[in-house]
């Protein structure tokens, strides 16, 4: 894809990524969030954080399918930053609307409610990834250390899915779709690593 087209597409996608937030704000202003507005905001921001996290993880496997998809890598940082943005809004709704900024309440919840504990752990792991998403961080850390740090996104994805499973009622299978998607994306990386390692360690047959 031509560089100019990618730049235009990035602007379009950037604004599209803000649409979920715009929808939440519009529903809040028009009082159409439903009988439990706090829960609606919490669930919406959490869902979009997870979706953008999966989009971030999907970029590398998709671009490996064909050289013509190499331009997708230019969207990975954007999706990752939006995943952190919506995850931060998700956390903020809990801190503000549920806990009223009460530290004792939050500490008690983290200790008693395991879905809050694992969700907060996922956000904490996303924090250094967001802080080091810029090009200067790669130069500062070095390519290998930067890549090693950003592999935490796999752990973030797993923790986010666990958070989803633990927050729904027993018997609710709504997290199954994202669980399968995450499993496929992680498995694709394993398959690629194994294939890549075998390709580079194979000894060519003698002529």
N, C-alpha and C. Protein backbone atom coordinates (compact mmCIF):
# COMPACT_ATOMS: atom_id res chain seq x y z
N UNK A 1 0.85 -1.19 0.00
CA UNK A 1 0.00 0.00 0.00
C UNK A 1 0.89 1.25 0.00
N UNK A 2 0.59 2.25 -0.86
CA UNK A 2 1.40 3.47 -0.89
C UNK A 2 1.42 4.18 0.46
N UNK A 3 2.54 4.84 0.75
CA UNK A 3 2.70 5.51 2.04
C UNK A 3 1.61 6.54 2.29
N UNK A 4 1.24 7.29 1.24
CA UNK A 4 0.19 8.31 1.41
C UNK A 4 -1.14 7.68 1.79
N UNK A 5 -1.45 6.55 1.17
CA UNK A 5 -2.71 5.86 1.48
C UNK A 5 -2.71 5.35 2.91
N UNK A 6 -1.55 4.85 3.37
CA UNK A 6 -1.44 4.37 4.74
C UNK A 6 -1.65 5.51 5.73
N UNK A 7 -1.06 6.68 5.42
CA UNK A 7 -1.20 7.85 6.29
C UNK A 7 -2.66 8.28 6.40
N UNK A 8 -3.35 8.31 5.27
CA UNK A 8 -4.77 8.69 5.27
C UNK A 8 -5.59 7.65 6.06
N UNK A 9 -5.27 6.38 5.84
CA UNK A 9 -5.99 5.31 6.53
C UNK A 9 -5.75 5.39 8.04
N UNK A 10 -4.54 5.75 8.45
CA UNK A 10 -4.23 5.87 9.87
C UNK A 10 -5.08 6.95 10.52
N UNK A 11 -5.29 8.06 9.81
CA UNK A 11 -6.12 9.14 10.34
C UNK A 11 -7.56 8.66 10.49
N UNK A 12 -8.06 7.95 9.49
CA UNK A 12 -9.43 7.43 9.53
C UNK A 12 -9.59 6.43 10.68
N UNK A 13 -8.62 5.52 10.81
CA UNK A 13 -8.68 4.51 11.87
C UNK A 13 -8.56 5.16 13.25
N UNK A 14 -7.73 6.19 13.35
CA UNK A 14 -7.55 6.89 14.62
C UNK A 14 -8.88 7.46 15.12
N UNK A 15 -9.62 8.10 14.20
CA UNK A 15 -10.92 8.65 14.59
C UNK A 15 -11.93 7.53 14.84
N UNK A 16 -11.84 6.44 14.06
CA UNK A 16 -12.75 5.32 14.26
C UNK A 16 -12.56 4.70 15.64
N UNK A 17 -11.32 4.69 16.11
CA UNK A 17 -11.03 4.12 17.43
C UNK A 17 -11.65 4.96 18.56
N UNK A 18 -11.95 6.20 18.27
CA UNK A 18 -12.58 7.07 19.28
C UNK A 18 -14.10 6.96 19.28
N UNK A 19 -14.66 6.30 18.27
CA UNK A 19 -16.11 6.21 18.15
C UNK A 19 -16.76 5.51 19.35
N UNK A 20 -16.18 4.43 19.89
CA UNK A 20 -16.81 3.82 21.08
C UNK A 20 -16.94 4.79 22.24
N UNK A 21 -15.90 5.61 22.44
CA UNK A 21 -15.96 6.62 23.51
C UNK A 21 -17.03 7.65 23.21
N UNK A 22 -17.10 8.08 21.95
CA UNK A 22 -18.11 9.07 21.55
C UNK A 22 -19.52 8.52 21.79
N UNK A 23 -19.70 7.22 21.51
CA UNK A 23 -21.02 6.60 21.71
C UNK A 23 -21.37 6.55 23.19
N UNK A 24 -20.39 6.21 24.03
CA UNK A 24 -20.63 6.17 25.48
C UNK A 24 -21.01 7.56 26.00
N UNK A 25 -20.28 8.58 25.54
CA UNK A 25 -20.57 9.95 25.98
C UNK A 25 -21.96 10.38 25.53
N UNK A 26 -22.31 10.07 24.28
CA UNK A 26 -23.64 10.43 23.77
C UNK A 26 -24.74 9.75 24.57
N UNK A 27 -24.54 8.48 24.89
CA UNK A 27 -25.54 7.75 25.68
C UNK A 27 -25.64 8.31 27.09
N UNK A 28 -24.50 8.75 27.65
CA UNK A 28 -24.52 9.33 28.99
C UNK A 28 -25.26 10.66 28.98
N UNK A 29 -25.02 11.48 27.95
CA UNK A 29 -25.66 12.79 27.85
C UNK A 29 -27.17 12.65 27.64
N UNK A 30 -27.55 11.66 26.82
CA UNK A 30 -28.98 11.47 26.51
C UNK A 30 -29.68 10.53 27.48
N UNK A 31 -28.92 10.07 28.49
CA UNK A 31 -29.48 9.19 29.52
C UNK A 31 -30.06 7.91 28.93
N UNK A 32 -29.30 7.30 28.02
CA UNK A 32 -29.76 6.07 27.37
C UNK A 32 -28.80 4.91 27.63
N UNK A 33 -28.12 4.95 28.76
CA UNK A 33 -27.19 3.89 29.12
C UNK A 33 -27.88 2.68 29.76
N UNK A 34 -29.16 2.81 29.99
CA UNK A 34 -29.89 1.71 30.60
C UNK A 34 -30.12 1.91 32.08
N UNK A 35 -30.68 0.91 32.75
CA UNK A 35 -31.04 1.05 34.17
C UNK A 35 -29.83 1.17 35.10
N UNK A 36 -28.66 0.71 34.65
CA UNK A 36 -27.44 0.79 35.47
C UNK A 36 -26.33 1.43 34.64
N UNK A 37 -26.30 2.77 34.57
CA UNK A 37 -25.32 3.46 33.74
C UNK A 37 -23.87 3.15 34.10
N UNK A 38 -23.59 3.01 35.40
CA UNK A 38 -22.22 2.72 35.82
C UNK A 38 -21.74 1.39 35.27
N UNK A 39 -22.59 0.38 35.37
CA UNK A 39 -22.25 -0.94 34.84
C UNK A 39 -22.09 -0.90 33.33
N UNK A 40 -22.95 -0.13 32.66
CA UNK A 40 -22.88 -0.04 31.20
C UNK A 40 -21.56 0.59 30.76
N UNK A 41 -21.14 1.64 31.44
CA UNK A 41 -19.86 2.28 31.10
C UNK A 41 -18.70 1.34 31.38
N UNK A 42 -18.75 0.68 32.52
CA UNK A 42 -17.69 -0.25 32.89
C UNK A 42 -17.56 -1.37 31.88
N UNK A 43 -18.67 -1.97 31.51
CA UNK A 43 -18.64 -3.09 30.57
C UNK A 43 -18.18 -2.63 29.18
N UNK A 44 -18.67 -1.49 28.73
CA UNK A 44 -18.30 -1.01 27.39
C UNK A 44 -16.82 -0.71 27.29
N UNK A 45 -16.27 -0.01 28.28
CA UNK A 45 -14.84 0.30 28.24
C UNK A 45 -13.99 -0.96 28.36
N UNK A 46 -14.44 -1.92 29.16
CA UNK A 46 -13.72 -3.17 29.29
C UNK A 46 -13.74 -3.98 28.00
N UNK A 47 -14.90 -4.06 27.36
CA UNK A 47 -15.01 -4.80 26.11
C UNK A 47 -14.09 -4.20 25.04
N UNK A 48 -14.09 -2.87 24.93
CA UNK A 48 -13.27 -2.23 23.90
C UNK A 48 -11.79 -2.33 24.20
N UNK A 49 -11.42 -2.32 25.46
CA UNK A 49 -10.02 -2.53 25.82
C UNK A 49 -9.56 -3.91 25.35
N UNK A 50 -10.40 -4.92 25.57
CA UNK A 50 -10.06 -6.28 25.17
C UNK A 50 -10.04 -6.41 23.65
N UNK A 51 -10.98 -5.79 22.98
CA UNK A 51 -11.01 -5.86 21.52
C UNK A 51 -9.77 -5.24 20.89
N UNK A 52 -9.37 -4.08 21.40
CA UNK A 52 -8.17 -3.43 20.86
C UNK A 52 -6.91 -4.22 21.21
N UNK A 53 -6.92 -4.88 22.35
CA UNK A 53 -5.80 -5.73 22.72
C UNK A 53 -5.67 -6.89 21.73
N UNK A 54 -6.80 -7.49 21.37
CA UNK A 54 -6.78 -8.58 20.40
C UNK A 54 -6.40 -8.08 19.01
N UNK A 55 -6.84 -6.88 18.65
CA UNK A 55 -6.42 -6.29 17.37
C UNK A 55 -4.91 -6.10 17.32
N UNK A 56 -4.35 -5.64 18.44
CA UNK A 56 -2.91 -5.45 18.52
C UNK A 56 -2.18 -6.77 18.30
N UNK A 57 -2.67 -7.83 18.95
CA UNK A 57 -2.06 -9.14 18.81
C UNK A 57 -2.27 -9.74 17.42
N UNK A 58 -3.30 -9.29 16.72
CA UNK A 58 -3.60 -9.85 15.40
C UNK A 58 -2.73 -9.28 14.29
N UNK A 59 -2.12 -8.12 14.52
CA UNK A 59 -1.37 -7.45 13.46
C UNK A 59 -0.22 -8.32 12.94
N UNK A 60 0.61 -8.82 13.85
CA UNK A 60 1.78 -9.60 13.41
C UNK A 60 1.42 -10.87 12.66
N UNK A 61 0.50 -11.71 13.17
CA UNK A 61 0.13 -12.91 12.39
C UNK A 61 -0.46 -12.57 11.02
N UNK A 62 -1.25 -11.50 10.94
CA UNK A 62 -1.86 -11.14 9.66
C UNK A 62 -0.83 -10.66 8.65
N UNK A 63 0.12 -9.86 9.10
CA UNK A 63 1.11 -9.35 8.14
C UNK A 63 2.07 -10.44 7.68
N UNK A 64 2.19 -11.50 8.47
CA UNK A 64 3.05 -12.62 8.06
C UNK A 64 2.42 -13.48 6.98
N UNK A 65 1.12 -13.31 6.76
CA UNK A 65 0.43 -14.10 5.74
C UNK A 65 0.89 -13.72 4.34
N UNK A 66 1.26 -12.45 4.17
CA UNK A 66 1.67 -11.98 2.85
C UNK A 66 2.53 -10.72 2.99
N UNK A 67 3.52 -10.60 2.13
CA UNK A 67 4.37 -9.41 2.15
C UNK A 67 3.58 -8.15 1.82
N UNK A 68 2.48 -8.31 1.10
CA UNK A 68 1.65 -7.16 0.73
C UNK A 68 0.93 -6.56 1.93
N UNK A 69 0.92 -7.29 3.07
CA UNK A 69 0.26 -6.80 4.29
C UNK A 69 1.24 -6.21 5.29
N UNK A 70 2.48 -5.97 4.85
CA UNK A 70 3.50 -5.46 5.76
C UNK A 70 3.12 -4.11 6.35
N UNK A 71 2.30 -3.34 5.64
CA UNK A 71 1.89 -2.01 6.12
C UNK A 71 1.06 -2.07 7.40
N UNK A 72 0.52 -3.25 7.73
CA UNK A 72 -0.30 -3.37 8.94
C UNK A 72 0.50 -3.07 10.21
N UNK A 73 1.81 -3.27 10.15
CA UNK A 73 2.64 -3.06 11.33
C UNK A 73 2.55 -1.61 11.82
N UNK A 74 2.22 -0.71 10.91
CA UNK A 74 2.14 0.71 11.27
C UNK A 74 0.90 1.03 12.10
N UNK A 75 0.02 0.05 12.26
CA UNK A 75 -1.19 0.25 13.06
C UNK A 75 -1.10 -0.42 14.44
N UNK A 76 -0.05 -1.22 14.63
CA UNK A 76 0.03 -1.99 15.87
C UNK A 76 0.15 -1.09 17.10
N UNK A 77 1.00 -0.06 17.02
CA UNK A 77 1.17 0.83 18.16
C UNK A 77 -0.13 1.57 18.46
N UNK A 78 -0.84 2.00 17.43
CA UNK A 78 -2.10 2.70 17.63
C UNK A 78 -3.11 1.83 18.36
N UNK A 79 -3.26 0.59 17.91
CA UNK A 79 -4.21 -0.32 18.55
C UNK A 79 -3.80 -0.60 19.99
N UNK A 80 -2.49 -0.77 20.21
CA UNK A 80 -2.02 -1.02 21.56
C UNK A 80 -2.28 0.14 22.50
N UNK A 81 -2.04 1.34 22.01
CA UNK A 81 -2.29 2.53 22.83
C UNK A 81 -3.78 2.72 23.12
N UNK A 82 -4.62 2.40 22.15
CA UNK A 82 -6.06 2.49 22.39
C UNK A 82 -6.53 1.40 23.36
N UNK A 83 -5.89 0.25 23.31
CA UNK A 83 -6.22 -0.80 24.29
C UNK A 83 -5.93 -0.29 25.70
N UNK A 84 -4.79 0.36 25.86
CA UNK A 84 -4.44 0.91 27.18
C UNK A 84 -5.36 2.06 27.55
N UNK A 85 -5.74 2.87 26.57
CA UNK A 85 -6.63 4.00 26.81
C UNK A 85 -7.98 3.53 27.35
N UNK A 86 -8.57 2.54 26.68
CA UNK A 86 -9.88 2.05 27.13
C UNK A 86 -9.76 1.25 28.42
N UNK A 87 -8.62 0.56 28.60
CA UNK A 87 -8.40 -0.14 29.86
C UNK A 87 -8.29 0.85 31.01
N UNK A 88 -7.67 2.00 30.75
CA UNK A 88 -7.55 3.04 31.78
C UNK A 88 -8.91 3.65 32.11
N UNK A 89 -9.74 3.84 31.08
CA UNK A 89 -11.11 4.33 31.33
C UNK A 89 -11.90 3.29 32.13
N UNK A 90 -11.68 2.02 31.80
CA UNK A 90 -12.33 0.93 32.52
C UNK A 90 -11.94 0.95 34.00
N UNK A 91 -10.66 1.15 34.25
CA UNK A 91 -10.17 1.22 35.63
C UNK A 91 -10.70 2.48 36.32
N UNK A 92 -10.75 3.58 35.57
CA UNK A 92 -11.22 4.84 36.15
C UNK A 92 -12.67 4.75 36.59
N UNK A 93 -13.49 4.04 35.81
CA UNK A 93 -14.90 3.90 36.20
C UNK A 93 -15.02 3.17 37.54
N UNK A 94 -14.13 2.20 37.75
CA UNK A 94 -14.15 1.49 39.03
C UNK A 94 -13.67 2.40 40.16
N UNK A 95 -12.55 3.09 39.93
CA UNK A 95 -11.99 3.95 40.98
C UNK A 95 -12.93 5.09 41.33
N UNK A 96 -13.58 5.65 40.32
CA UNK A 96 -14.41 6.84 40.53
C UNK A 96 -15.85 6.47 40.88
N UNK A 97 -16.50 5.68 40.01
CA UNK A 97 -17.93 5.45 40.15
C UNK A 97 -18.28 4.36 41.16
N UNK A 98 -17.40 3.37 41.29
CA UNK A 98 -17.69 2.28 42.23
C UNK A 98 -17.05 2.51 43.60
N UNK A 99 -15.80 2.99 43.59
CA UNK A 99 -15.07 3.11 44.86
C UNK A 99 -15.01 4.53 45.41
N UNK A 100 -15.44 5.51 44.59
CA UNK A 100 -15.43 6.92 45.02
C UNK A 100 -14.05 7.34 45.53
N UNK A 101 -13.00 6.85 44.86
CA UNK A 101 -11.60 7.19 45.18
C UNK A 101 -11.20 6.78 46.60
N UNK A 102 -11.91 5.81 47.17
CA UNK A 102 -11.59 5.34 48.51
C UNK A 102 -10.53 4.24 48.43
N UNK A 103 -9.33 4.55 48.90
CA UNK A 103 -8.23 3.58 48.86
C UNK A 103 -8.54 2.34 49.70
N UNK A 104 -9.06 2.47 50.93
CA UNK A 104 -9.41 1.27 51.71
C UNK A 104 -10.40 0.37 50.99
N UNK A 105 -11.39 0.97 50.34
CA UNK A 105 -12.38 0.18 49.59
C UNK A 105 -11.72 -0.59 48.46
N UNK A 106 -10.84 0.10 47.73
CA UNK A 106 -10.17 -0.55 46.60
C UNK A 106 -9.26 -1.67 47.07
N UNK A 107 -8.52 -1.45 48.15
CA UNK A 107 -7.62 -2.48 48.66
C UNK A 107 -8.41 -3.70 49.13
N UNK A 108 -9.55 -3.45 49.75
CA UNK A 108 -10.40 -4.57 50.20
C UNK A 108 -10.95 -5.34 49.01
N UNK A 109 -11.34 -4.61 47.96
CA UNK A 109 -11.86 -5.27 46.77
C UNK A 109 -10.79 -6.10 46.07
N UNK A 110 -9.58 -5.56 45.97
CA UNK A 110 -8.49 -6.28 45.33
C UNK A 110 -8.19 -7.58 46.06
N UNK A 111 -8.33 -7.53 47.39
CA UNK A 111 -8.05 -8.72 48.20
C UNK A 111 -9.17 -9.76 48.11
N UNK A 112 -10.42 -9.30 48.04
CA UNK A 112 -11.56 -10.20 48.10
C UNK A 112 -12.06 -10.65 46.74
N UNK A 113 -12.01 -9.77 45.75
CA UNK A 113 -12.58 -10.09 44.44
C UNK A 113 -11.46 -10.40 43.46
N UNK A 114 -11.34 -11.64 43.08
CA UNK A 114 -10.21 -12.06 42.26
C UNK A 114 -10.26 -11.47 40.86
N UNK A 115 -11.46 -11.18 40.33
CA UNK A 115 -11.53 -10.60 39.00
C UNK A 115 -10.97 -9.18 38.98
N UNK A 116 -11.09 -8.46 40.11
CA UNK A 116 -10.49 -7.13 40.20
C UNK A 116 -8.98 -7.25 40.30
N UNK A 117 -8.51 -8.23 41.05
CA UNK A 117 -7.07 -8.44 41.21
C UNK A 117 -6.41 -8.73 39.87
N UNK A 118 -6.97 -9.66 39.09
CA UNK A 118 -6.36 -10.03 37.82
C UNK A 118 -6.52 -8.92 36.79
N UNK A 119 -7.64 -8.19 36.85
CA UNK A 119 -7.83 -7.08 35.94
C UNK A 119 -6.85 -5.95 36.20
N UNK A 120 -6.61 -5.66 37.48
CA UNK A 120 -5.66 -4.62 37.84
C UNK A 120 -4.24 -5.04 37.46
N UNK A 121 -3.94 -6.33 37.60
CA UNK A 121 -2.63 -6.84 37.21
C UNK A 121 -2.41 -6.66 35.71
N UNK A 122 -3.46 -6.90 34.92
CA UNK A 122 -3.35 -6.72 33.47
C UNK A 122 -3.06 -5.26 33.14
N UNK A 123 -3.75 -4.35 33.82
CA UNK A 123 -3.52 -2.92 33.56
C UNK A 123 -2.10 -2.51 33.95
N UNK A 124 -1.61 -3.02 35.07
CA UNK A 124 -0.25 -2.69 35.50
C UNK A 124 0.79 -3.16 34.49
N UNK A 125 0.56 -4.32 33.87
CA UNK A 125 1.49 -4.82 32.87
C UNK A 125 1.40 -4.04 31.57
N UNK A 126 0.22 -3.48 31.29
CA UNK A 126 0.06 -2.66 30.09
C UNK A 126 0.72 -1.30 30.23
N UNK A 127 0.86 -0.83 31.46
CA UNK A 127 1.40 0.51 31.71
C UNK A 127 2.80 0.69 31.12
N UNK A 128 3.77 -0.19 31.42
CA UNK A 128 5.10 0.01 30.82
C UNK A 128 5.10 -0.13 29.30
N UNK A 129 4.18 -0.91 28.76
CA UNK A 129 4.09 -1.05 27.31
C UNK A 129 3.65 0.25 26.68
N UNK A 130 2.68 0.91 27.30
CA UNK A 130 2.20 2.20 26.79
C UNK A 130 3.28 3.27 26.93
N UNK A 131 4.00 3.23 28.04
CA UNK A 131 5.04 4.25 28.29
C UNK A 131 6.24 4.10 27.36
N UNK A 132 6.44 2.89 26.83
CA UNK A 132 7.59 2.65 25.95
C UNK A 132 7.16 2.36 24.51
N UNK A 133 6.00 2.86 24.11
CA UNK A 133 5.49 2.58 22.76
C UNK A 133 6.12 3.47 21.70
N UNK A 134 6.74 4.58 22.11
CA UNK A 134 7.32 5.52 21.15
C UNK A 134 8.68 5.02 20.65
N UNK A 135 9.13 5.60 19.53
CA UNK A 135 10.40 5.17 18.92
C UNK A 135 11.59 5.42 19.83
N UNK A 136 11.53 6.50 20.64
CA UNK A 136 12.67 6.79 21.50
C UNK A 136 12.92 5.66 22.51
N UNK A 137 11.86 4.97 22.90
CA UNK A 137 12.01 3.88 23.87
C UNK A 137 12.79 2.72 23.27
N UNK A 138 12.57 2.47 21.97
CA UNK A 138 13.32 1.40 21.31
C UNK A 138 14.80 1.74 21.29
N UNK A 139 15.11 3.01 20.98
CA UNK A 139 16.52 3.43 20.95
C UNK A 139 17.13 3.38 22.35
N UNK A 140 16.34 3.75 23.35
CA UNK A 140 16.84 3.80 24.73
C UNK A 140 17.06 2.39 25.29
N UNK A 141 16.11 1.51 25.08
CA UNK A 141 16.19 0.16 25.63
C UNK A 141 17.02 -0.79 24.77
N UNK A 142 17.07 -0.50 23.49
CA UNK A 142 17.67 -1.45 22.56
C UNK A 142 16.60 -2.39 22.04
N UNK A 143 16.76 -2.81 20.80
CA UNK A 143 15.72 -3.60 20.16
C UNK A 143 15.35 -4.88 20.89
N UNK A 144 16.35 -5.64 21.35
CA UNK A 144 16.08 -6.93 22.00
C UNK A 144 15.37 -6.74 23.33
N UNK A 145 15.85 -5.80 24.14
CA UNK A 145 15.20 -5.58 25.44
C UNK A 145 13.80 -5.02 25.26
N UNK A 146 13.62 -4.17 24.26
CA UNK A 146 12.29 -3.62 23.99
C UNK A 146 11.32 -4.74 23.58
N UNK A 147 11.78 -5.62 22.71
CA UNK A 147 10.94 -6.73 22.28
C UNK A 147 10.60 -7.64 23.45
N UNK A 148 11.59 -7.90 24.31
CA UNK A 148 11.36 -8.75 25.47
C UNK A 148 10.31 -8.13 26.40
N UNK A 149 10.41 -6.83 26.63
CA UNK A 149 9.45 -6.13 27.48
C UNK A 149 8.05 -6.22 26.88
N UNK A 150 7.95 -6.01 25.58
CA UNK A 150 6.63 -5.94 24.94
C UNK A 150 6.00 -7.31 24.72
N UNK A 151 6.72 -8.36 25.05
CA UNK A 151 6.09 -9.68 25.07
C UNK A 151 5.13 -9.82 26.25
N UNK A 152 5.17 -8.85 27.15
CA UNK A 152 4.19 -8.84 28.24
C UNK A 152 2.77 -8.73 27.73
N UNK A 153 2.62 -8.28 26.49
CA UNK A 153 1.27 -8.15 25.94
C UNK A 153 0.57 -9.51 25.88
N UNK A 154 1.35 -10.60 25.73
CA UNK A 154 0.73 -11.92 25.74
C UNK A 154 0.12 -12.22 27.11
N UNK A 155 0.85 -11.86 28.16
CA UNK A 155 0.36 -12.05 29.52
C UNK A 155 -0.85 -11.16 29.76
N UNK A 156 -0.79 -9.94 29.25
CA UNK A 156 -1.93 -9.01 29.39
C UNK A 156 -3.19 -9.60 28.76
N UNK A 157 -3.03 -10.17 27.57
CA UNK A 157 -4.18 -10.77 26.89
C UNK A 157 -4.77 -11.92 27.69
N UNK A 158 -3.91 -12.77 28.22
CA UNK A 158 -4.38 -13.90 29.02
C UNK A 158 -5.08 -13.43 30.28
N UNK A 159 -4.50 -12.46 30.97
CA UNK A 159 -5.10 -11.94 32.20
C UNK A 159 -6.43 -11.25 31.91
N UNK A 160 -6.50 -10.53 30.78
CA UNK A 160 -7.74 -9.84 30.42
C UNK A 160 -8.87 -10.83 30.17
N UNK A 161 -8.56 -11.94 29.51
CA UNK A 161 -9.57 -12.96 29.25
C UNK A 161 -9.99 -13.65 30.56
N UNK A 162 -9.04 -13.91 31.43
CA UNK A 162 -9.37 -14.49 32.74
C UNK A 162 -10.27 -13.53 33.51
N UNK A 163 -9.95 -12.24 33.46
CA UNK A 163 -10.77 -11.21 34.11
C UNK A 163 -12.21 -11.27 33.60
N UNK A 164 -12.35 -11.45 32.30
CA UNK A 164 -13.67 -11.54 31.68
C UNK A 164 -14.42 -12.77 32.18
N UNK A 165 -13.75 -13.93 32.21
CA UNK A 165 -14.39 -15.16 32.66
C UNK A 165 -14.83 -15.05 34.12
N UNK A 166 -13.99 -14.46 34.94
CA UNK A 166 -14.29 -14.40 36.37
C UNK A 166 -15.35 -13.36 36.72
N UNK A 167 -15.62 -12.43 35.81
CA UNK A 167 -16.59 -11.37 36.12
C UNK A 167 -18.01 -11.78 35.73
N UNK A 168 -18.14 -12.74 34.79
CA UNK A 168 -19.47 -13.15 34.36
C UNK A 168 -20.02 -14.22 35.32
N UNK A 169 -21.30 -14.44 35.26
CA UNK A 169 -21.94 -15.42 36.13
C UNK A 169 -21.58 -16.84 35.68
N UNK A 170 -21.56 -17.81 36.61
CA UNK A 170 -21.29 -19.21 36.25
C UNK A 170 -22.27 -19.70 35.18
N UNK A 171 -21.75 -20.36 34.18
CA UNK A 171 -22.59 -20.84 33.09
C UNK A 171 -22.66 -19.89 31.92
N UNK A 172 -22.24 -18.64 32.10
CA UNK A 172 -22.23 -17.66 31.01
C UNK A 172 -21.03 -17.93 30.12
N UNK A 173 -21.28 -18.21 28.85
CA UNK A 173 -20.21 -18.55 27.91
C UNK A 173 -19.86 -17.38 26.97
N UNK A 174 -20.27 -16.17 27.32
CA UNK A 174 -19.99 -15.02 26.45
C UNK A 174 -18.50 -14.75 26.24
N UNK A 175 -17.61 -15.10 27.20
CA UNK A 175 -16.18 -14.86 26.93
C UNK A 175 -15.54 -15.89 26.00
N UNK A 176 -16.30 -16.90 25.56
CA UNK A 176 -15.70 -17.98 24.77
C UNK A 176 -15.11 -17.48 23.46
N UNK A 177 -15.81 -16.56 22.79
CA UNK A 177 -15.33 -16.09 21.48
C UNK A 177 -13.96 -15.43 21.59
N UNK A 178 -13.81 -14.52 22.55
CA UNK A 178 -12.52 -13.83 22.68
C UNK A 178 -11.44 -14.80 23.16
N UNK A 179 -11.85 -15.81 23.93
CA UNK A 179 -10.89 -16.81 24.38
C UNK A 179 -10.33 -17.60 23.19
N UNK A 180 -11.21 -17.99 22.29
CA UNK A 180 -10.78 -18.72 21.09
C UNK A 180 -9.89 -17.85 20.21
N UNK A 181 -10.29 -16.59 20.04
CA UNK A 181 -9.48 -15.68 19.21
C UNK A 181 -8.09 -15.51 19.81
N UNK A 182 -8.01 -15.30 21.12
CA UNK A 182 -6.71 -15.15 21.77
C UNK A 182 -5.88 -16.42 21.62
N UNK A 183 -6.50 -17.58 21.81
CA UNK A 183 -5.78 -18.85 21.68
C UNK A 183 -5.22 -19.02 20.27
N UNK A 184 -6.00 -18.67 19.26
CA UNK A 184 -5.55 -18.77 17.87
C UNK A 184 -4.37 -17.83 17.62
N UNK A 185 -4.47 -16.61 18.11
CA UNK A 185 -3.40 -15.63 17.91
C UNK A 185 -2.10 -16.05 18.59
N UNK A 186 -2.21 -16.62 19.78
CA UNK A 186 -1.01 -17.09 20.49
C UNK A 186 -0.45 -18.35 19.83
N UNK A 187 -1.33 -19.24 19.41
CA UNK A 187 -0.88 -20.46 18.75
C UNK A 187 -0.19 -20.15 17.43
N UNK A 188 -0.69 -19.14 16.73
CA UNK A 188 -0.06 -18.74 15.46
C UNK A 188 1.38 -18.31 15.67
N UNK A 189 1.65 -17.65 16.78
CA UNK A 189 3.02 -17.23 17.09
C UNK A 189 3.92 -18.43 17.39
N UNK A 190 3.37 -19.40 18.10
CA UNK A 190 4.14 -20.60 18.42
C UNK A 190 4.49 -21.36 17.14
N UNK A 191 3.51 -21.53 16.27
CA UNK A 191 3.73 -22.23 15.01
C UNK A 191 4.77 -21.50 14.17
N UNK A 192 4.65 -20.18 14.11
CA UNK A 192 5.62 -19.39 13.34
C UNK A 192 7.02 -19.53 13.90
N UNK A 193 7.17 -19.48 15.21
CA UNK A 193 8.48 -19.59 15.85
C UNK A 193 9.13 -20.94 15.56
N UNK A 194 8.32 -22.01 15.67
CA UNK A 194 8.83 -23.35 15.40
C UNK A 194 9.25 -23.49 13.94
N UNK A 195 8.39 -23.03 13.04
CA UNK A 195 8.69 -23.11 11.61
C UNK A 195 9.92 -22.28 11.26
N UNK A 196 10.01 -21.07 11.83
CA UNK A 196 11.14 -20.18 11.56
C UNK A 196 12.44 -20.79 12.08
N UNK A 197 12.39 -21.40 13.28
CA UNK A 197 13.59 -22.02 13.85
C UNK A 197 14.05 -23.19 13.00
N UNK A 198 13.12 -24.02 12.56
CA UNK A 198 13.49 -25.17 11.73
C UNK A 198 14.05 -24.74 10.39
N UNK A 199 13.50 -23.66 9.85
CA UNK A 199 13.95 -23.17 8.55
C UNK A 199 15.40 -22.71 8.61
N UNK A 200 15.76 -22.06 9.72
CA UNK A 200 17.11 -21.49 9.83
C UNK A 200 18.14 -22.47 10.37
N UNK A 201 17.69 -23.61 10.93
CA UNK A 201 18.63 -24.59 11.46
C UNK A 201 18.80 -25.78 10.54
N UNK A 202 17.98 -25.84 9.50
CA UNK A 202 18.08 -26.96 8.56
C UNK A 202 19.38 -26.87 7.77
N UNK A 203 20.00 -28.01 7.57
CA UNK A 203 21.26 -28.07 6.83
C UNK A 203 20.96 -28.47 5.40
N UNK A 204 21.38 -27.66 4.42
CA UNK A 204 21.09 -28.01 3.04
C UNK A 204 21.79 -29.31 2.63
N UNK A 205 21.10 -30.08 1.84
CA UNK A 205 21.65 -31.36 1.40
C UNK A 205 22.86 -31.14 0.51
N UNK A 206 23.83 -32.04 0.58
CA UNK A 206 25.04 -31.91 -0.24
C UNK A 206 24.69 -32.13 -1.71
N UNK A 207 25.38 -31.36 -2.57
CA UNK A 207 25.10 -31.46 -4.02
C UNK A 207 25.64 -32.77 -4.56
